[in-house]
């Protein structure tokens, strides 16, 4: 899943080299927290107007969660 998130985020931003994606297991062992860091100039592109882009990414992860039986949580870290 980490590779997929990294590919999607790199396609959205201008500075693809600054993209850092980390994946860690949640406390309940059923959830996966995906942390995304981008360059400060690309933060707006990742979030989108009124949060539409990040909301679409989170909806995509929710659909994957239902199929895999594991909860994916997307966090944008400054």
PDB file of N, CA and C in Angstrom:
ATOM      1  N   UNK A   1       0.826  -1.184   0.000  1.00  0.00           N
ATOM      2  CA  UNK A   1       0.000   0.000   0.000  1.00  0.00           C
ATOM      3  C   UNK A   1       0.876   1.255   0.000  1.00  0.00           C
ATOM      4  N   UNK A   2       2.007   1.191   0.682  1.00  0.00           N
ATOM      5  CA  UNK A   2       2.903   2.331   0.768  1.00  0.00           C
ATOM      6  C   UNK A   2       3.359   2.769  -0.626  1.00  0.00           C
ATOM      7  N   UNK A   3       3.683   1.824  -1.468  1.00  0.00           N
ATOM      8  CA  UNK A   3       4.153   2.142  -2.815  1.00  0.00           C
ATOM      9  C   UNK A   3       3.051   2.813  -3.636  1.00  0.00           C
ATOM     10  N   UNK A   4       1.830   2.374  -3.455  1.00  0.00           N
ATOM     11  CA  UNK A   4       0.700   2.961  -4.174  1.00  0.00           C
ATOM     12  C   UNK A   4       0.474   4.404  -3.750  1.00  0.00           C
ATOM     13  N   UNK A   5       0.522   4.654  -2.463  1.00  0.00           N
ATOM     14  CA  UNK A   5       0.344   6.009  -1.947  1.00  0.00           C
ATOM     15  C   UNK A   5       1.460   6.907  -2.464  1.00  0.00           C
ATOM     16  N   UNK A   6       2.676   6.402  -2.431  1.00  0.00           N
ATOM     17  CA  UNK A   6       3.815   7.184  -2.897  1.00  0.00           C
ATOM     18  C   UNK A   6       3.668   7.533  -4.379  1.00  0.00           C
ATOM     19  N   UNK A   7       3.232   6.592  -5.186  1.00  0.00           N
ATOM     20  CA  UNK A   7       3.033   6.839  -6.610  1.00  0.00           C
ATOM     21  C   UNK A   7       1.957   7.898  -6.840  1.00  0.00           C
ATOM     22  N   UNK A   8       0.848   7.811  -6.126  1.00  0.00           N
ATOM     23  CA  UNK A   8      -0.235   8.781  -6.274  1.00  0.00           C
ATOM     24  C   UNK A   8       0.192  10.176  -5.854  1.00  0.00           C
ATOM     25  N   UNK A   9       0.864  10.274  -4.724  1.00  0.00           N
ATOM     26  CA  UNK A   9       1.265  11.582  -4.213  1.00  0.00           C
ATOM     27  C   UNK A   9       2.323  12.210  -5.117  1.00  0.00           C
ATOM     28  N   UNK A  10       3.270  11.414  -5.601  1.00  0.00           N
ATOM     29  CA  UNK A  10       4.298  11.946  -6.501  1.00  0.00           C
ATOM     30  C   UNK A  10       3.697  12.476  -7.796  1.00  0.00           C
ATOM     31  N   UNK A  11       2.593  11.892  -8.232  1.00  0.00           N
ATOM     32  CA  UNK A  11       1.925  12.369  -9.443  1.00  0.00           C
ATOM     33  C   UNK A  11       1.208  13.693  -9.202  1.00  0.00           C
ATOM     34  N   UNK A  12       0.867  13.984  -7.965  1.00  0.00           N
ATOM     35  CA  UNK A  12       0.121  15.199  -7.640  1.00  0.00           C
ATOM     36  C   UNK A  12       1.006  16.427  -7.393  1.00  0.00           C
ATOM     37  N   UNK A  13       2.211  16.224  -6.914  1.00  0.00           N
ATOM     38  CA  UNK A  13       3.047  17.347  -6.487  1.00  0.00           C
ATOM     39  C   UNK A  13       4.100  17.694  -7.533  1.00  0.00           C
ATOM     40  N   UNK A  14       4.713  18.875  -7.372  1.00  0.00           N
ATOM     41  CA  UNK A  14       5.774  19.313  -8.284  1.00  0.00           C
ATOM     42  C   UNK A  14       7.128  18.727  -7.896  1.00  0.00           C
ATOM     43  N   UNK A  15       7.441  18.724  -6.603  1.00  0.00           N
ATOM     44  CA  UNK A  15       8.729  18.231  -6.115  1.00  0.00           C
ATOM     45  C   UNK A  15       8.577  16.787  -5.639  1.00  0.00           C
ATOM     46  N   UNK A  16       8.671  15.859  -6.581  1.00  0.00           N
ATOM     47  CA  UNK A  16       8.464  14.441  -6.272  1.00  0.00           C
ATOM     48  C   UNK A  16       9.574  13.879  -5.384  1.00  0.00           C
ATOM     49  N   UNK A  17      10.751  14.486  -5.422  1.00  0.00           N
ATOM     50  CA  UNK A  17      11.872  14.004  -4.611  1.00  0.00           C
ATOM     51  C   UNK A  17      11.644  14.248  -3.118  1.00  0.00           C
ATOM     52  N   UNK A  18      10.831  15.233  -2.781  1.00  0.00           N
ATOM     53  CA  UNK A  18      10.601  15.578  -1.374  1.00  0.00           C
ATOM     54  C   UNK A  18       9.502  14.728  -0.733  1.00  0.00           C
ATOM     55  N   UNK A  19       8.872  13.859  -1.487  1.00  0.00           N
ATOM     56  CA  UNK A  19       7.782  13.035  -0.956  1.00  0.00           C
ATOM     57  C   UNK A  19       8.355  11.937  -0.058  1.00  0.00           C
ATOM     58  N   UNK A  20       7.807  11.840   1.144  1.00  0.00           N
ATOM     59  CA  UNK A  20       8.213  10.810   2.101  1.00  0.00           C
ATOM     60  C   UNK A  20       6.956  10.148   2.638  1.00  0.00           C
ATOM     61  N   UNK A  21       6.851   8.844   2.436  1.00  0.00           N
ATOM     62  CA  UNK A  21       5.680   8.094   2.885  1.00  0.00           C
ATOM     63  C   UNK A  21       6.149   7.040   3.881  1.00  0.00           C
ATOM     64  N   UNK A  22       5.514   7.037   5.044  1.00  0.00           N
ATOM     65  CA  UNK A  22       5.833   6.052   6.078  1.00  0.00           C
ATOM     66  C   UNK A  22       4.573   5.299   6.456  1.00  0.00           C
ATOM     67  N   UNK A  23       4.751   4.033   6.741  1.00  0.00           N
ATOM     68  CA  UNK A  23       3.618   3.169   7.075  1.00  0.00           C
ATOM     69  C   UNK A  23       3.913   2.503   8.413  1.00  0.00           C
ATOM     70  N   UNK A  24       2.972   2.598   9.345  1.00  0.00           N
ATOM     71  CA  UNK A  24       3.164   1.939  10.637  1.00  0.00           C
ATOM     72  C   UNK A  24       1.857   1.316  11.098  1.00  0.00           C
ATOM     73  N   UNK A  25       1.983   0.293  11.886  1.00  0.00           N
ATOM     74  CA  UNK A  25       0.821  -0.421  12.408  1.00  0.00           C
ATOM     75  C   UNK A  25       0.209   0.353  13.563  1.00  0.00           C
ATOM     76  N   UNK A  26      -1.118   0.393  13.604  1.00  0.00           N
ATOM     77  CA  UNK A  26      -1.822   1.080  14.687  1.00  0.00           C
ATOM     78  C   UNK A  26      -1.794   0.276  15.966  1.00  0.00           C
ATOM     79  N   UNK A  27      -2.383   0.860  16.993  1.00  0.00           N
ATOM     80  CA  UNK A  27      -2.392   0.194  18.307  1.00  0.00           C
ATOM     81  C   UNK A  27      -3.196  -1.093  18.308  1.00  0.00           C
ATOM     82  N   UNK A  28      -4.258  -1.124  17.525  1.00  0.00           N
ATOM     83  CA  UNK A  28      -5.130  -2.298  17.545  1.00  0.00           C
ATOM     84  C   UNK A  28      -4.672  -3.399  16.586  1.00  0.00           C
ATOM     85  N   UNK A  29      -3.539  -3.214  15.918  1.00  0.00           N
ATOM     86  CA  UNK A  29      -2.951  -4.191  14.999  1.00  0.00           C
ATOM     87  C   UNK A  29      -3.799  -4.451  13.754  1.00  0.00           C
ATOM     88  N   UNK A  30      -4.951  -3.794  13.637  1.00  0.00           N
ATOM     89  CA  UNK A  30      -5.789  -3.967  12.444  1.00  0.00           C
ATOM     90  C   UNK A  30      -5.773  -2.719  11.581  1.00  0.00           C
ATOM     91  N   UNK A  31      -5.242  -1.642  12.105  1.00  0.00           N
ATOM     92  CA  UNK A  31      -5.205  -0.404  11.334  1.00  0.00           C
ATOM     93  C   UNK A  31      -3.769  -0.087  10.925  1.00  0.00           C
ATOM     94  N   UNK A  32      -3.650   0.560   9.792  1.00  0.00           N
ATOM     95  CA  UNK A  32      -2.355   0.967   9.269  1.00  0.00           C
ATOM     96  C   UNK A  32      -2.385   2.476   9.095  1.00  0.00           C
ATOM     97  N   UNK A  33      -1.428   3.154   9.704  1.00  0.00           N
ATOM     98  CA  UNK A  33      -1.341   4.607   9.594  1.00  0.00           C
ATOM     99  C   UNK A  33      -0.309   4.928   8.520  1.00  0.00           C
ATOM    100  N   UNK A  34      -0.737   5.696   7.532  1.00  0.00           N
ATOM    101  CA  UNK A  34       0.149   6.099   6.449  1.00  0.00           C
ATOM    102  C   UNK A  34       0.404   7.598   6.597  1.00  0.00           C
ATOM    103  N   UNK A  35       1.648   7.950   6.885  1.00  0.00           N
ATOM    104  CA  UNK A  35       2.036   9.347   7.042  1.00  0.00           C
ATOM    105  C   UNK A  35       2.689   9.827   5.759  1.00  0.00           C
ATOM    106  N   UNK A  36       2.240  10.979   5.275  1.00  0.00           N
ATOM    107  CA  UNK A  36       2.773  11.545   4.042  1.00  0.00           C
ATOM    108  C   UNK A  36       3.382  12.903   4.351  1.00  0.00           C
ATOM    109  N   UNK A  37       4.616  13.084   3.928  1.00  0.00           N
ATOM    110  CA  UNK A  37       5.288  14.377   4.051  1.00  0.00           C
ATOM    111  C   UNK A  37       5.654  14.849   2.653  1.00  0.00           C
ATOM    112  N   UNK A  38       5.384  16.129   2.368  1.00  0.00           N
ATOM    113  CA  UNK A  38       5.742  16.731   1.089  1.00  0.00           C
ATOM    114  C   UNK A  38       6.421  18.072   1.349  1.00  0.00           C
ATOM    115  N   UNK A  39       6.955  18.668   0.296  1.00  0.00           N
ATOM    116  CA  UNK A  39       7.571  19.986   0.414  1.00  0.00           C
ATOM    117  C   UNK A  39       6.497  20.997   0.810  1.00  0.00           C
ATOM    118  N   UNK A  40       6.871  22.019   1.567  1.00  0.00           N
ATOM    119  CA  UNK A  40       5.875  23.024   1.998  1.00  0.00           C
ATOM    120  C   UNK A  40       5.125  23.680   0.833  1.00  0.00           C
ATOM    121  N   UNK A  41       5.795  23.864  -0.291  1.00  0.00           N
ATOM    122  CA  UNK A  41       5.144  24.469  -1.453  1.00  0.00           C
ATOM    123  C   UNK A  41       4.092  23.553  -2.076  1.00  0.00           C
ATOM    124  N   UNK A  42       4.214  22.242  -1.872  1.00  0.00           N
ATOM    125  CA  UNK A  42       3.282  21.282  -2.470  1.00  0.00           C
ATOM    126  C   UNK A  42       2.139  20.892  -1.543  1.00  0.00           C
ATOM    127  N   UNK A  43       2.138  21.416  -0.333  1.00  0.00           N
ATOM    128  CA  UNK A  43       1.098  21.045   0.629  1.00  0.00           C
ATOM    129  C   UNK A  43      -0.294  21.381   0.092  1.00  0.00           C
ATOM    130  N   UNK A  44      -0.440  22.536  -0.523  1.00  0.00           N
ATOM    131  CA  UNK A  44      -1.734  22.944  -1.069  1.00  0.00           C
ATOM    132  C   UNK A  44      -2.198  22.042  -2.198  1.00  0.00           C
ATOM    133  N   UNK A  45      -1.264  21.556  -3.012  1.00  0.00           N
ATOM    134  CA  UNK A  45      -1.632  20.662  -4.108  1.00  0.00           C
ATOM    135  C   UNK A  45      -2.124  19.324  -3.580  1.00  0.00           C
ATOM    136  N   UNK A  46      -1.515  18.869  -2.510  1.00  0.00           N
ATOM    137  CA  UNK A  46      -1.931  17.592  -1.933  1.00  0.00           C
ATOM    138  C   UNK A  46      -3.298  17.697  -1.260  1.00  0.00           C
ATOM    139  N   UNK A  47      -3.537  18.798  -0.587  1.00  0.00           N
ATOM    140  CA  UNK A  47      -4.817  18.981   0.093  1.00  0.00           C
ATOM    141  C   UNK A  47      -5.918  19.323  -0.896  1.00  0.00           C
ATOM    142  N   UNK A  48      -5.621  20.185  -1.857  1.00  0.00           N
ATOM    143  CA  UNK A  48      -6.606  20.559  -2.867  1.00  0.00           C
ATOM    144  C   UNK A  48      -7.547  21.643  -2.364  1.00  0.00           C
ATOM    145  N   UNK A  49      -8.366  22.126  -3.277  1.00  0.00           N
ATOM    146  CA  UNK A  49      -9.338  23.158  -2.913  1.00  0.00           C
ATOM    147  C   UNK A  49     -10.368  22.597  -1.948  1.00  0.00           C
ATOM    148  N   UNK A  50     -10.492  23.257  -0.833  1.00  0.00           N
ATOM    149  CA  UNK A  50     -11.414  22.867   0.230  1.00  0.00           C
ATOM    150  C   UNK A  50     -11.226  21.414   0.654  1.00  0.00           C
ATOM    151  N   UNK A  51     -10.013  20.889   0.484  1.00  0.00           N
ATOM    152  CA  UNK A  51      -9.695  19.537   0.927  1.00  0.00           C
ATOM    153  C   UNK A  51     -10.197  18.430   0.026  1.00  0.00           C
ATOM    154  N   UNK A  52     -10.549  18.762  -1.194  1.00  0.00           N
ATOM    155  CA  UNK A  52     -11.147  17.752  -2.083  1.00  0.00           C
ATOM    156  C   UNK A  52     -10.176  16.644  -2.466  1.00  0.00           C
ATOM    157  N   UNK A  53      -8.931  16.991  -2.742  1.00  0.00           N
ATOM    158  CA  UNK A  53      -7.967  15.974  -3.170  1.00  0.00           C
ATOM    159  C   UNK A  53      -7.678  14.988  -2.053  1.00  0.00           C
ATOM    160  N   UNK A  54      -7.390  15.492  -0.865  1.00  0.00           N
ATOM    161  CA  UNK A  54      -7.092  14.594   0.249  1.00  0.00           C
ATOM    162  C   UNK A  54      -8.335  13.799   0.643  1.00  0.00           C
ATOM    163  N   UNK A  55      -9.502  14.390   0.508  1.00  0.00           N
ATOM    164  CA  UNK A  55     -10.740  13.663   0.805  1.00  0.00           C
ATOM    165  C   UNK A  55     -10.938  12.516  -0.192  1.00  0.00           C
ATOM    166  N   UNK A  56     -10.590  12.752  -1.453  1.00  0.00           N
ATOM    167  CA  UNK A  56     -10.704  11.698  -2.469  1.00  0.00           C
ATOM    168  C   UNK A  56      -9.722  10.562  -2.171  1.00  0.00           C
ATOM    169  N   UNK A  57      -8.502  10.915  -1.764  1.00  0.00           N
ATOM    170  CA  UNK A  57      -7.527   9.883  -1.402  1.00  0.00           C
ATOM    171  C   UNK A  57      -8.011   9.065  -0.207  1.00  0.00           C
ATOM    172  N   UNK A  58      -8.574   9.739   0.773  1.00  0.00           N
ATOM    173  CA  UNK A  58      -9.086   9.028   1.954  1.00  0.00           C
ATOM    174  C   UNK A  58     -10.270   8.136   1.594  1.00  0.00           C
ATOM    175  N   UNK A  59     -11.102   8.559   0.668  1.00  0.00           N
ATOM    176  CA  UNK A  59     -12.216   7.720   0.206  1.00  0.00           C
ATOM    177  C   UNK A  59     -11.702   6.472  -0.500  1.00  0.00           C
ATOM    178  N   UNK A  60     -10.651   6.642  -1.270  1.00  0.00           N
ATOM    179  CA  UNK A  60     -10.026   5.508  -1.945  1.00  0.00           C
ATOM    180  C   UNK A  60      -9.489   4.503  -0.926  1.00  0.00           C
ATOM    181  N   UNK A  61      -8.830   5.010   0.119  1.00  0.00           N
ATOM    182  CA  UNK A  61      -8.306   4.118   1.156  1.00  0.00           C
ATOM    183  C   UNK A  61      -9.415   3.435   1.933  1.00  0.00           C
ATOM    184  N   UNK A  62     -10.532   4.118   2.100  1.00  0.00           N
ATOM    185  CA  UNK A  62     -11.677   3.498   2.772  1.00  0.00           C
ATOM    186  C   UNK A  62     -12.198   2.320   1.958  1.00  0.00           C
ATOM    187  N   UNK A  63     -12.258   2.475   0.641  1.00  0.00           N
ATOM    188  CA  UNK A  63     -12.714   1.373  -0.218  1.00  0.00           C
ATOM    189  C   UNK A  63     -11.748   0.192  -0.143  1.00  0.00           C
ATOM    190  N   UNK A  64     -10.461   0.479  -0.125  1.00  0.00           N
ATOM    191  CA  UNK A  64      -9.466  -0.592   0.005  1.00  0.00           C
ATOM    192  C   UNK A  64      -9.592  -1.263   1.366  1.00  0.00           C
ATOM    193  N   UNK A  65      -9.867  -0.471   2.382  1.00  0.00           N
ATOM    194  CA  UNK A  65     -10.028  -1.009   3.736  1.00  0.00           C
ATOM    195  C   UNK A  65     -11.150  -2.033   3.801  1.00  0.00           C
ATOM    196  N   UNK A  66     -12.254  -1.727   3.143  1.00  0.00           N
ATOM    197  CA  UNK A  66     -13.389  -2.644   3.149  1.00  0.00           C
ATOM    198  C   UNK A  66     -13.040  -3.960   2.469  1.00  0.00           C
ATOM    199  N   UNK A  67     -12.254  -3.901   1.406  1.00  0.00           N
ATOM    200  CA  UNK A  67     -11.885  -5.117   0.688  1.00  0.00           C
ATOM    201  C   UNK A  67     -10.885  -5.967   1.465  1.00  0.00           C
ATOM    202  N   UNK A  68      -9.944  -5.301   2.123  1.00  0.00           N
ATOM    203  CA  UNK A  68      -8.873  -6.032   2.796  1.00  0.00           C
ATOM    204  C   UNK A  68      -9.150  -6.324   4.259  1.00  0.00           C
ATOM    205  N   UNK A  69     -10.185  -5.740   4.812  1.00  0.00           N
ATOM    206  CA  UNK A  69     -10.495  -5.979   6.215  1.00  0.00           C
ATOM    207  C   UNK A  69      -9.512  -5.320   7.168  1.00  0.00           C
ATOM    208  N   UNK A  70      -8.843  -4.309   6.698  1.00  0.00           N
ATOM    209  CA  UNK A  70      -7.851  -3.583   7.490  1.00  0.00           C
ATOM    210  C   UNK A  70      -8.101  -2.098   7.294  1.00  0.00           C
ATOM    211  N   UNK A  71      -8.010  -1.316   8.342  1.00  0.00           N
ATOM    212  CA  UNK A  71      -8.301   0.106   8.267  1.00  0.00           C
ATOM    213  C   UNK A  71      -7.040   0.896   7.916  1.00  0.00           C
ATOM    214  N   UNK A  72      -7.118   1.726   6.876  1.00  0.00           N
ATOM    215  CA  UNK A  72      -6.000   2.572   6.472  1.00  0.00           C
ATOM    216  C   UNK A  72      -6.326   4.015   6.842  1.00  0.00           C
ATOM    217  N   UNK A  73      -5.404   4.663   7.516  1.00  0.00           N
ATOM    218  CA  UNK A  73      -5.571   6.033   7.962  1.00  0.00           C
ATOM    219  C   UNK A  73      -4.499   6.878   7.287  1.00  0.00           C
ATOM    220  N   UNK A  74      -4.927   7.886   6.527  1.00  0.00           N
ATOM    221  CA  UNK A  74      -3.988   8.772   5.836  1.00  0.00           C
ATOM    222  C   UNK A  74      -3.792  10.031   6.658  1.00  0.00           C
ATOM    223  N   UNK A  75      -2.541  10.325   6.989  1.00  0.00           N
ATOM    224  CA  UNK A  75      -2.215  11.532   7.738  1.00  0.00           C
ATOM    225  C   UNK A  75      -1.231  12.354   6.931  1.00  0.00           C
ATOM    226  N   UNK A  76      -1.513  13.637   6.802  1.00  0.00           N
ATOM    227  CA  UNK A  76      -0.614  14.566   6.138  1.00  0.00           C
ATOM    228  C   UNK A  76       0.199  15.249   7.238  1.00  0.00           C
ATOM    229  N   UNK A  77       1.509  15.106   7.211  1.00  0.00           N
ATOM    230  CA  UNK A  77       2.375  15.646   8.251  1.00  0.00           C
ATOM    231  C   UNK A  77       3.143  16.837   7.685  1.00  0.00           C
ATOM    232  N   UNK A  78       3.171  17.919   8.452  1.00  0.00           N
ATOM    233  CA  UNK A  78       3.897  19.126   8.011  1.00  0.00           C
ATOM    234  C   UNK A  78       5.360  19.001   8.325  1.00  0.00           C
TER     235      UNK A  78
END
